[in-house]
């Protein structure tokens, strides 16, 4: 069984995110990468956690 990367997990959540969240995460990750950040940095994991929290809140409100 292959382990999914943080970026792969983020990609899997894209379809469940509201547009403002997508724009925010995209901007943050783009800025992070342009400043020399790497895909496996803790900051990217933080963005994944944020997206998971948004998904959880969406499901909880249904």
C-alpha atoms as a PDB file:
ATOM      1  CA  UNK A   1       0.000   0.000   0.000  1.00  0.00           C
ATOM      2  CA  UNK A   2       1.497   3.307  -1.084  1.00  0.00           C
ATOM      3  CA  UNK A   3       1.553   6.210   1.326  1.00  0.00           C
ATOM      4  CA  UNK A   4      -0.025   9.379   0.008  1.00  0.00           C
ATOM      5  CA  UNK A   5       1.910  12.598   0.284  1.00  0.00           C
ATOM      6  CA  UNK A   6       0.540  15.718   1.933  1.00  0.00           C
ATOM      7  CA  UNK A   7       0.118  17.333  -1.487  1.00  0.00           C
ATOM      8  CA  UNK A   8      -1.815  14.295  -2.750  1.00  0.00           C
ATOM      9  CA  UNK A   9      -4.105  14.538   0.268  1.00  0.00           C
ATOM     10  CA  UNK A  10      -4.640  18.235  -0.422  1.00  0.00           C
ATOM     11  CA  UNK A  11      -5.511  17.421  -4.044  1.00  0.00           C
ATOM     12  CA  UNK A  12      -8.070  14.865  -2.863  1.00  0.00           C
ATOM     13  CA  UNK A  13      -9.826  17.499  -0.743  1.00  0.00           C
ATOM     14  CA  UNK A  14      -9.979  20.196  -3.426  1.00  0.00           C
ATOM     15  CA  UNK A  15     -13.404  19.187  -4.718  1.00  0.00           C
ATOM     16  CA  UNK A  16     -14.897  19.507  -1.216  1.00  0.00           C
ATOM     17  CA  UNK A  17     -13.603  23.010  -0.474  1.00  0.00           C
ATOM     18  CA  UNK A  18     -15.483  26.280  -0.884  1.00  0.00           C
ATOM     19  CA  UNK A  19     -13.857  28.623  -3.384  1.00  0.00           C
ATOM     20  CA  UNK A  20     -12.608  31.135  -0.760  1.00  0.00           C
ATOM     21  CA  UNK A  21     -10.797  28.332   1.079  1.00  0.00           C
ATOM     22  CA  UNK A  22      -9.231  27.085  -2.148  1.00  0.00           C
ATOM     23  CA  UNK A  23      -8.021  30.557  -3.054  1.00  0.00           C
ATOM     24  CA  UNK A  24      -6.585  31.092   0.415  1.00  0.00           C
ATOM     25  CA  UNK A  25      -4.727  27.779   0.516  1.00  0.00           C
ATOM     26  CA  UNK A  26      -3.470  28.218  -3.043  1.00  0.00           C
ATOM     27  CA  UNK A  27      -2.126  31.689  -2.257  1.00  0.00           C
ATOM     28  CA  UNK A  28      -0.463  30.492   0.929  1.00  0.00           C
ATOM     29  CA  UNK A  29       1.175  27.489  -0.731  1.00  0.00           C
ATOM     30  CA  UNK A  30       2.268  29.524  -3.748  1.00  0.00           C
ATOM     31  CA  UNK A  31       3.839  32.156  -1.480  1.00  0.00           C
ATOM     32  CA  UNK A  32       5.443  29.405   0.581  1.00  0.00           C
ATOM     33  CA  UNK A  33       6.936  27.699  -2.459  1.00  0.00           C
ATOM     34  CA  UNK A  34       8.201  30.962  -3.957  1.00  0.00           C
ATOM     35  CA  UNK A  35      10.022  31.731  -0.706  1.00  0.00           C
ATOM     36  CA  UNK A  36      11.873  28.419  -0.886  1.00  0.00           C
ATOM     37  CA  UNK A  37       9.434  26.218   1.034  1.00  0.00           C
ATOM     38  CA  UNK A  38       9.236  22.528   0.182  1.00  0.00           C
ATOM     39  CA  UNK A  39       6.207  20.241  -0.248  1.00  0.00           C
ATOM     40  CA  UNK A  40       7.135  18.215   2.825  1.00  0.00           C
ATOM     41  CA  UNK A  41       7.496  21.193   5.188  1.00  0.00           C
ATOM     42  CA  UNK A  42       5.268  21.376   8.279  1.00  0.00           C
ATOM     43  CA  UNK A  43       3.597  24.492   6.864  1.00  0.00           C
ATOM     44  CA  UNK A  44       2.080  22.422   4.053  1.00  0.00           C
ATOM     45  CA  UNK A  45       0.805  19.913   6.627  1.00  0.00           C
ATOM     46  CA  UNK A  46      -0.784  22.841   8.474  1.00  0.00           C
ATOM     47  CA  UNK A  47      -2.703  23.793   5.328  1.00  0.00           C
ATOM     48  CA  UNK A  48      -3.902  20.187   5.003  1.00  0.00           C
ATOM     49  CA  UNK A  49      -5.129  20.244   8.607  1.00  0.00           C
ATOM     50  CA  UNK A  50      -6.980  23.487   7.867  1.00  0.00           C
ATOM     51  CA  UNK A  51      -8.696  21.893   4.870  1.00  0.00           C
ATOM     52  CA  UNK A  52      -9.644  18.839   6.945  1.00  0.00           C
ATOM     53  CA  UNK A  53     -11.157  21.121   9.592  1.00  0.00           C
ATOM     54  CA  UNK A  54     -13.184  22.915   6.933  1.00  0.00           C
ATOM     55  CA  UNK A  55     -14.433  19.590   5.559  1.00  0.00           C
ATOM     56  CA  UNK A  56     -15.361  18.410   9.051  1.00  0.00           C
ATOM     57  CA  UNK A  57     -17.251  21.641   9.745  1.00  0.00           C
ATOM     58  CA  UNK A  58     -19.140  21.334   6.466  1.00  0.00           C
ATOM     59  CA  UNK A  59     -20.192  17.770   7.245  1.00  0.00           C
ATOM     60  CA  UNK A  60     -21.134  18.660  10.828  1.00  0.00           C
ATOM     61  CA  UNK A  61     -23.449  21.439   9.653  1.00  0.00           C
ATOM     62  CA  UNK A  62     -25.443  19.133   7.355  1.00  0.00           C
END
